[in-house]
Amino acid sequence: MAKVVVGMSGGVDSAVTAYLLKKAGHEVIGVTLRTWVSEDGDEGRCCDIDDARSASWKIGIPYHSLNCLAEFKKEVTDPFVEDYIKGLTPNPCVICNRTVKWEKMCYMAEVLEADYVATGHYATIIKLPNGRYTVKKAVHAEKDQTYMLYRLTQEQLAKTMMPLGEYAKSDVRKIAEEAGIPVAAKKDSQEICFVPDGNYADYINENCEGEIPPEGNFVDEDGNILGKHKGIIHYTVGQRKGLGIALGYPAFVKKICADTNEVVIAKNEALFSREIMCRDLNFMSIPDLKTGEKVRAAVKIRYHHAGTAAEIEMLDEDKVKITFDEPVRAAAPGQSAVFYDENDCVVGGGIIC
């Protein structure tokens, strides 16, 4: 049996992860990474220390918390603001997992002389015949979280357990209820932990240390001015609601041009593309591709995208071209494209550019 550090967010998934590992005979230690606190002192949903401590006490495991506020600001929230200023649509959870959560959990495992770290993500760690590690989609697709995990390193994956890959959420809540874990009925949050109300523009306005892009022009695909926008931080590719412009037909954001401070508006059919580029690559199931190499994969361009068959071609040491069999809608620069093989294992992924 192993000694395992479990990342305790204060939610039911991580609590049941700790419970299952202890029940299996492992020596379990609960750890919460304190990553974000609001101005009124509320903890983020990923670091609810009171609930995490209560769950650990009920399960009967030792518990620690670690202050990661400075690291979270540097690696996650500051880049989040900077990307929106550049007209991108970032995915902070993807970055946080690798650079903060796993980095600090592995550090705590070393300090506490533990063998593994574990989380309540709905995914399964797989070691392949080629010796590499990857993550496999959860059995219950509606809860699958592999999209958020594709940037983890081989070293991080080798030290990680994810016991919930074969469970449904209802099963997890039932286990927690039967075990008397106090967070059994706690609701899941659907928003980014440091923007709990979902209003990204307000967060950026309150936390940007530089200049906020001002109002500018809505333009059509030919550059004709259609009206005024509130500032590019209020928009993302594919957006329809909240544009505040009437054109006599359904209008969507096709592109955000930070250099000219323009938001390009178009009809829905203009949002589809057959090719996209990706940078900042991370490969899991295979080593890095060489320039000119190609692989086939199903590619997800956002968390809730089902995935579309495509050919991935390595253009240089850190850029790929993805050519889809069928056009995909609203591929937003700044979001992640994640590649899956025929066994639902992550091949790799990158940032859409």
Protein backbone atom coordinates (compact mmCIF):
# COMPACT_ATOMS: atom_id res chain seq x y z
CA MET A 1 0.00 0.00 0.00
CA ALA A 2 1.18 3.51 -0.82
CA LYS A 3 1.33 6.81 1.00
CA VAL A 4 -0.83 9.26 -0.95
CA VAL A 5 -1.37 13.02 -0.80
CA VAL A 6 -4.92 13.84 -1.91
CA GLY A 7 -5.69 17.30 -3.23
CA MET A 8 -8.75 18.32 -1.19
CA SER A 9 -10.77 21.12 -2.80
CA GLY A 10 -13.58 21.01 -0.25
CA GLY A 11 -15.91 19.31 -2.73
CA VAL A 12 -17.41 15.85 -2.80
CA ASP A 13 -15.17 14.42 -5.54
CA SER A 14 -11.88 14.93 -3.72
CA ALA A 15 -13.42 13.83 -0.42
CA VAL A 16 -14.61 10.53 -1.93
CA THR A 17 -11.20 10.08 -3.58
CA ALA A 18 -9.58 10.27 -0.13
CA TYR A 19 -12.20 7.95 1.33
CA LEU A 20 -11.78 5.31 -1.39
CA LEU A 21 -8.00 5.35 -1.16
CA LYS A 22 -8.08 4.97 2.62
CA LYS A 23 -10.65 2.19 2.33
CA ALA A 24 -8.30 0.41 -0.10
CA GLY A 25 -5.60 0.43 2.56
CA HIS A 26 -3.44 3.37 1.52
CA GLU A 27 -2.01 5.86 3.99
CA VAL A 28 -3.83 9.06 2.99
CA ILE A 29 -3.05 12.71 3.76
CA GLY A 30 -5.41 15.52 2.77
CA VAL A 31 -3.90 18.72 1.38
CA THR A 32 -5.65 21.91 0.24
CA LEU A 33 -3.79 24.41 -1.94
CA ARG A 34 -4.97 27.88 -1.00
CA THR A 35 -4.91 29.55 -4.40
CA TRP A 36 -7.41 32.40 -4.33
CA VAL A 37 -9.31 34.54 -1.83
CA SER A 38 -11.90 37.18 -2.73
CA GLU A 39 -11.80 40.73 -1.35
CA ASP A 40 -14.42 39.80 1.25
CA GLY A 41 -12.37 36.80 2.38
CA ASP A 42 -14.26 33.98 0.65
CA GLU A 43 -12.15 31.06 -0.51
CA GLY A 44 -12.26 29.89 -4.13
CA ARG A 45 -14.26 26.73 -4.92
CA CYS A 46 -10.98 24.85 -5.42
CA CYS A 47 -9.73 25.67 -1.94
CA ASP A 48 -12.62 25.63 0.54
CA ILE A 49 -10.45 24.93 3.56
CA ASP A 50 -13.27 24.61 6.11
CA ASP A 51 -15.11 21.95 4.08
CA ALA A 52 -11.88 20.15 3.18
CA ARG A 53 -10.81 20.03 6.82
CA SER A 54 -14.26 18.78 7.91
CA ALA A 55 -14.24 16.04 5.28
CA SER A 56 -10.72 14.96 6.25
CA TRP A 57 -11.70 14.78 9.90
CA LYS A 58 -14.73 12.64 9.07
CA ILE A 59 -12.69 10.30 6.86
CA GLY A 60 -10.03 10.10 9.57
CA ILE A 61 -6.96 11.38 7.75
CA PRO A 62 -4.39 14.06 8.64
CA TYR A 63 -4.89 17.39 6.90
CA HIS A 64 -2.69 20.28 5.79
CA SER A 65 -3.16 23.47 3.78
CA LEU A 66 -0.53 25.26 1.70
CA ASN A 67 -0.56 28.93 0.75
CA CYS A 68 -0.16 29.24 -3.04
CA LEU A 69 -1.65 32.71 -3.53
CA ALA A 70 1.49 34.26 -5.03
CA GLU A 71 2.07 31.36 -7.44
CA PHE A 72 -1.57 31.37 -8.53
CA LYS A 73 -1.47 35.09 -9.28
CA LYS A 74 1.76 34.78 -11.26
CA GLU A 75 0.88 31.64 -13.24
CA VAL A 76 -2.90 31.92 -13.61
CA THR A 77 -4.74 35.16 -12.89
CA ASP A 78 -2.18 37.64 -14.26
CA PRO A 79 -1.86 35.73 -17.58
CA PHE A 80 -5.66 35.40 -17.70
CA VAL A 81 -6.04 39.19 -17.61
CA GLU A 82 -3.19 39.71 -20.09
CA ASP A 83 -4.72 37.25 -22.57
CA TYR A 84 -8.11 38.95 -22.54
CA ILE A 85 -6.38 42.28 -23.16
CA LYS A 86 -4.78 40.63 -26.23
CA GLY A 87 -8.18 39.54 -27.54
CA LEU A 88 -7.74 35.88 -26.57
CA THR A 89 -10.07 33.52 -24.69
CA PRO A 90 -7.84 31.75 -22.14
CA ASN A 91 -8.56 28.57 -20.21
CA PRO A 92 -6.96 29.15 -16.78
CA CYS A 93 -7.82 25.72 -15.33
CA VAL A 94 -5.64 24.01 -17.95
CA ILE A 95 -2.65 26.15 -16.95
CA CYS A 96 -3.34 25.93 -13.21
CA ASN A 97 -3.39 22.13 -13.20
CA ARG A 98 0.17 21.82 -14.44
CA THR A 99 1.91 24.89 -13.03
CA VAL A 100 0.21 25.24 -9.65
CA LYS A 101 -1.87 22.25 -8.54
CA TRP A 102 0.38 19.40 -9.60
CA GLU A 103 3.56 21.36 -9.02
CA LYS A 104 2.58 22.06 -5.41
CA MET A 105 0.98 18.69 -4.70
CA CYS A 106 4.13 16.92 -5.88
CA TYR A 107 6.12 19.27 -3.66
CA MET A 108 3.93 18.36 -0.67
CA ALA A 109 4.32 14.67 -1.49
CA GLU A 110 8.08 15.10 -1.37
CA VAL A 111 7.92 16.99 1.94
CA LEU A 112 5.59 14.42 3.48
CA GLU A 113 7.55 11.49 1.97
CA ALA A 114 4.50 10.26 0.04
CA ASP A 115 4.61 7.98 -2.99
CA TYR A 116 1.75 9.49 -4.98
CA VAL A 117 -0.64 12.41 -5.31
CA ALA A 118 -4.33 11.88 -6.08
CA THR A 119 -7.21 14.04 -7.25
CA GLY A 120 -10.95 13.77 -7.74
CA HIS A 121 -10.84 14.32 -11.49
CA TYR A 122 -13.05 12.12 -13.66
CA ALA A 123 -10.34 10.46 -15.74
CA THR A 124 -8.02 7.46 -15.58
CA ILE A 125 -4.21 7.37 -15.67
CA ILE A 126 -2.91 4.86 -18.21
CA LYS A 127 0.64 3.58 -18.69
CA LEU A 128 1.05 2.56 -22.31
CA PRO A 129 3.22 -0.24 -23.79
CA ASN A 130 5.65 2.45 -25.03
CA GLY A 131 6.30 3.39 -21.40
CA ARG A 132 4.54 6.75 -21.59
CA TYR A 133 1.67 7.90 -19.40
CA THR A 134 -1.58 9.46 -20.56
CA VAL A 135 -5.11 10.14 -19.35
CA LYS A 136 -8.12 8.20 -20.61
CA LYS A 137 -11.61 9.65 -20.80
CA ALA A 138 -13.97 8.89 -17.93
CA VAL A 139 -16.46 6.07 -18.46
CA HIS A 140 -19.30 8.56 -18.02
CA ALA A 141 -18.63 11.12 -20.74
CA GLU A 142 -20.72 13.90 -19.20
CA LYS A 143 -18.20 14.24 -16.35
CA ASP A 144 -14.99 13.58 -18.30
CA GLN A 145 -12.21 16.06 -17.36
CA THR A 146 -9.32 14.91 -19.55
CA TYR A 147 -9.55 18.12 -21.60
CA MET A 148 -8.36 20.04 -18.53
CA LEU A 149 -5.47 17.65 -17.87
CA TYR A 150 -3.65 17.46 -21.21
CA ARG A 151 -0.75 19.70 -20.14
CA LEU A 152 0.41 17.45 -17.29
CA THR A 153 3.98 16.19 -17.66
CA GLN A 154 5.11 12.58 -17.77
CA GLU A 155 6.73 13.02 -14.36
CA GLN A 156 3.50 14.38 -12.88
CA LEU A 157 1.36 11.61 -14.39
CA ALA A 158 3.71 8.90 -13.13
CA LYS A 159 3.09 10.06 -9.55
CA THR A 160 -0.70 10.49 -9.85
CA MET A 161 -3.77 8.43 -8.95
CA MET A 162 -7.30 9.24 -10.19
CA PRO A 163 -9.76 6.76 -8.66
CA LEU A 164 -12.99 8.29 -10.04
CA GLY A 165 -12.56 7.51 -13.74
CA GLU A 166 -15.16 4.73 -13.72
CA TYR A 167 -17.69 6.37 -11.39
CA ALA A 168 -20.79 8.39 -12.20
CA LYS A 169 -21.36 11.56 -10.19
CA SER A 170 -24.46 9.99 -8.62
CA ASP A 171 -22.31 7.07 -7.43
CA VAL A 172 -19.81 9.46 -5.85
CA ARG A 173 -22.53 11.36 -3.99
CA LYS A 174 -24.04 8.06 -2.79
CA ILE A 175 -20.67 6.89 -1.45
CA ALA A 176 -20.20 10.21 0.37
CA GLU A 177 -23.70 10.08 1.84
CA GLU A 178 -23.32 6.51 3.07
CA ALA A 179 -19.93 7.37 4.60
CA GLY A 180 -21.38 10.43 6.35
CA ILE A 181 -19.02 12.83 4.58
CA PRO A 182 -20.40 16.33 5.22
CA VAL A 183 -20.01 17.62 1.63
CA ALA A 184 -22.06 14.79 0.07
CA ALA A 185 -24.74 17.15 -1.26
CA LYS A 186 -22.49 20.15 -2.01
CA LYS A 187 -23.26 21.62 -5.42
CA ASP A 188 -20.71 21.71 -8.22
CA SER A 189 -19.56 25.12 -9.40
CA GLN A 190 -19.74 25.78 -13.14
CA GLU A 191 -17.53 28.88 -13.14
CA ILE A 192 -13.83 29.63 -12.90
CA CYS A 193 -12.87 29.69 -9.22
CA PHE A 194 -11.67 33.31 -9.17
CA VAL A 195 -14.66 34.59 -11.21
CA PRO A 196 -17.53 32.90 -9.32
CA ASP A 197 -20.20 35.16 -10.84
CA GLY A 198 -18.97 34.50 -14.38
CA ASN A 199 -18.40 38.19 -15.15
CA TYR A 200 -14.92 38.12 -16.66
CA ALA A 201 -14.97 41.76 -17.76
CA ASP A 202 -15.59 43.03 -14.22
CA TYR A 203 -12.75 40.87 -12.91
CA ILE A 204 -10.38 42.20 -15.57
CA ASN A 205 -11.38 45.81 -14.90
CA GLU A 206 -10.73 45.32 -11.18
CA ASN A 207 -7.43 43.46 -11.54
CA CYS A 208 -5.70 44.82 -14.61
CA GLU A 209 -2.58 46.79 -13.68
CA GLY A 210 -2.27 48.35 -17.14
CA GLU A 211 -4.57 50.06 -19.60
CA ILE A 212 -7.94 48.48 -20.45
CA PRO A 213 -8.79 48.51 -24.18
CA PRO A 214 -11.42 51.24 -24.75
CA GLU A 215 -14.59 51.18 -26.84
CA GLY A 216 -14.06 50.46 -30.52
CA ASN A 217 -15.81 49.45 -33.70
CA PHE A 218 -17.83 46.43 -34.65
CA VAL A 219 -16.93 45.72 -38.28
CA ASP A 220 -18.05 43.19 -40.87
CA GLU A 221 -15.72 40.80 -42.68
CA ASP A 222 -14.93 43.51 -45.25
CA GLY A 223 -13.99 46.07 -42.60
CA ASN A 224 -17.18 48.13 -42.84
CA ILE A 225 -18.11 49.76 -39.53
CA LEU A 226 -21.37 48.41 -38.08
CA GLY A 227 -21.44 50.09 -34.67
CA LYS A 228 -19.62 50.53 -31.38
CA HIS A 229 -18.48 47.82 -28.96
CA LYS A 230 -17.85 48.19 -25.21
CA GLY A 231 -14.22 47.01 -25.33
CA ILE A 232 -12.71 43.76 -26.56
CA ILE A 233 -12.55 42.21 -23.08
CA HIS A 234 -16.35 41.81 -23.23
CA TYR A 235 -16.30 39.41 -26.18
CA THR A 236 -15.20 35.99 -27.33
CA VAL A 237 -15.31 34.15 -30.65
CA GLY A 238 -18.73 32.58 -31.26
CA GLN A 239 -20.58 34.95 -28.92
CA ARG A 240 -24.08 36.06 -29.90
CA LYS A 241 -25.74 37.34 -26.72
CA GLY A 242 -24.89 40.74 -25.31
CA LEU A 243 -23.53 42.30 -28.49
CA GLY A 244 -25.95 45.22 -28.30
CA ILE A 245 -26.20 45.57 -32.06
CA ALA A 246 -29.18 44.92 -34.35
CA LEU A 247 -28.36 43.96 -37.94
CA GLY A 248 -31.58 42.29 -39.04
CA TYR A 249 -30.02 38.83 -38.87
CA PRO A 250 -28.39 36.68 -36.15
CA ALA A 251 -24.88 38.06 -35.67
CA PHE A 252 -21.88 36.41 -33.99
CA VAL A 253 -18.33 37.37 -33.05
CA LYS A 254 -16.01 35.90 -35.66
CA LYS A 255 -12.71 37.54 -34.68
CA ILE A 256 -11.24 39.91 -32.09
CA CYS A 257 -8.54 42.23 -33.43
CA ALA A 258 -6.60 43.64 -30.48
CA ASP A 259 -4.21 45.57 -32.74
CA THR A 260 -7.02 47.64 -34.30
CA ASN A 261 -9.41 47.36 -31.33
CA GLU A 262 -12.09 45.93 -33.62
CA VAL A 263 -14.58 43.09 -33.18
CA VAL A 264 -15.50 41.34 -36.43
CA ILE A 265 -19.18 40.38 -36.70
CA ALA A 266 -20.51 37.77 -39.12
CA LYS A 267 -23.31 35.31 -39.77
CA ASN A 268 -23.12 31.86 -38.21
CA GLU A 269 -21.85 30.10 -41.36
CA ALA A 270 -18.74 32.31 -41.35
CA LEU A 271 -17.64 30.86 -37.99
CA PHE A 272 -16.75 27.44 -39.42
CA SER A 273 -13.17 26.55 -40.31
CA ARG A 274 -11.46 23.42 -41.59
CA GLU A 275 -7.92 24.35 -40.48
CA ILE A 276 -6.53 25.82 -37.25
CA MET A 277 -3.03 26.27 -35.82
CA CYS A 278 -1.87 25.39 -32.31
CA ARG A 279 1.18 26.45 -30.28
CA ASP A 280 2.59 25.64 -26.81
CA LEU A 281 2.25 21.92 -27.40
CA ASN A 282 2.34 19.10 -24.88
CA PHE A 283 2.34 15.46 -25.98
CA MET A 284 1.25 12.65 -23.67
CA SER A 285 0.78 9.26 -25.29
CA ILE A 286 3.51 9.82 -27.89
CA PRO A 287 6.86 11.64 -27.90
CA ASP A 288 7.03 15.04 -29.58
CA LEU A 289 6.37 14.86 -33.30
CA LYS A 290 9.15 15.77 -35.71
CA THR A 291 8.70 18.50 -38.32
CA GLY A 292 6.56 17.15 -41.14
CA GLU A 293 5.19 14.19 -39.17
CA LYS A 294 1.43 13.63 -39.17
CA VAL A 295 -0.99 11.77 -36.93
CA ARG A 296 -4.73 11.16 -37.01
CA ALA A 297 -6.82 12.00 -33.95
CA ALA A 298 -10.17 13.25 -32.74
CA VAL A 299 -9.71 16.88 -31.70
CA LYS A 300 -11.74 18.79 -29.10
CA ILE A 301 -11.54 22.59 -29.48
CA ARG A 302 -13.39 23.37 -26.25
CA TYR A 303 -14.40 21.53 -23.09
CA HIS A 304 -17.93 20.66 -24.24
CA HIS A 305 -16.99 19.91 -27.86
CA ALA A 306 -17.57 16.25 -28.74
CA GLY A 307 -14.42 16.11 -30.87
CA THR A 308 -13.93 15.99 -34.65
CA ALA A 309 -11.67 13.66 -36.67
CA ALA A 310 -8.61 15.46 -38.00
CA GLU A 311 -5.06 15.22 -39.30
CA ILE A 312 -2.38 16.85 -37.16
CA GLU A 313 0.82 17.95 -38.90
CA MET A 314 3.92 19.21 -37.09
CA LEU A 315 5.02 22.45 -38.76
CA ASP A 316 7.97 23.30 -36.51
CA GLU A 317 9.17 22.53 -33.00
CA ASP A 318 6.16 24.16 -31.31
CA LYS A 319 3.36 24.53 -33.85
CA VAL A 320 0.94 22.13 -35.51
CA LYS A 321 -1.64 22.53 -38.26
CA ILE A 322 -4.91 20.71 -37.64
CA THR A 323 -7.02 19.86 -40.69
CA PHE A 324 -10.51 18.65 -39.76
CA ASP A 325 -12.51 16.14 -41.79
CA GLU A 326 -15.55 18.35 -41.16
CA PRO A 327 -15.39 22.09 -40.38
CA VAL A 328 -15.54 23.09 -36.71
CA ARG A 329 -17.40 26.09 -35.34
CA ALA A 330 -15.91 29.02 -33.41
CA ALA A 331 -12.36 27.86 -32.71
CA ALA A 332 -11.32 30.60 -30.28
CA PRO A 333 -7.65 31.71 -30.07
CA GLY A 334 -6.44 31.13 -26.52
CA GLN A 335 -8.56 28.03 -25.96
CA SER A 336 -7.06 24.54 -26.07
CA ALA A 337 -7.27 21.90 -28.78
CA VAL A 338 -6.85 18.42 -27.28
CA PHE A 339 -6.07 15.33 -29.40
CA TYR A 340 -7.52 11.87 -28.63
CA ASP A 341 -6.70 8.45 -30.08
CA GLU A 342 -9.17 5.68 -30.94
CA ASN A 343 -9.06 4.45 -27.33
CA ASP A 344 -10.13 7.84 -25.89
CA CYS A 345 -6.64 8.48 -24.53
CA VAL A 346 -5.04 11.91 -24.80
CA VAL A 347 -2.35 12.09 -27.47
CA GLY A 348 -1.53 15.72 -26.66
CA GLY A 349 -2.76 19.23 -27.22
CA GLY A 350 -1.94 22.88 -27.59
CA ILE A 351 -3.24 26.45 -27.52
CA ILE A 352 -5.26 27.61 -30.53
CA CYS A 353 -3.62 30.57 -32.27
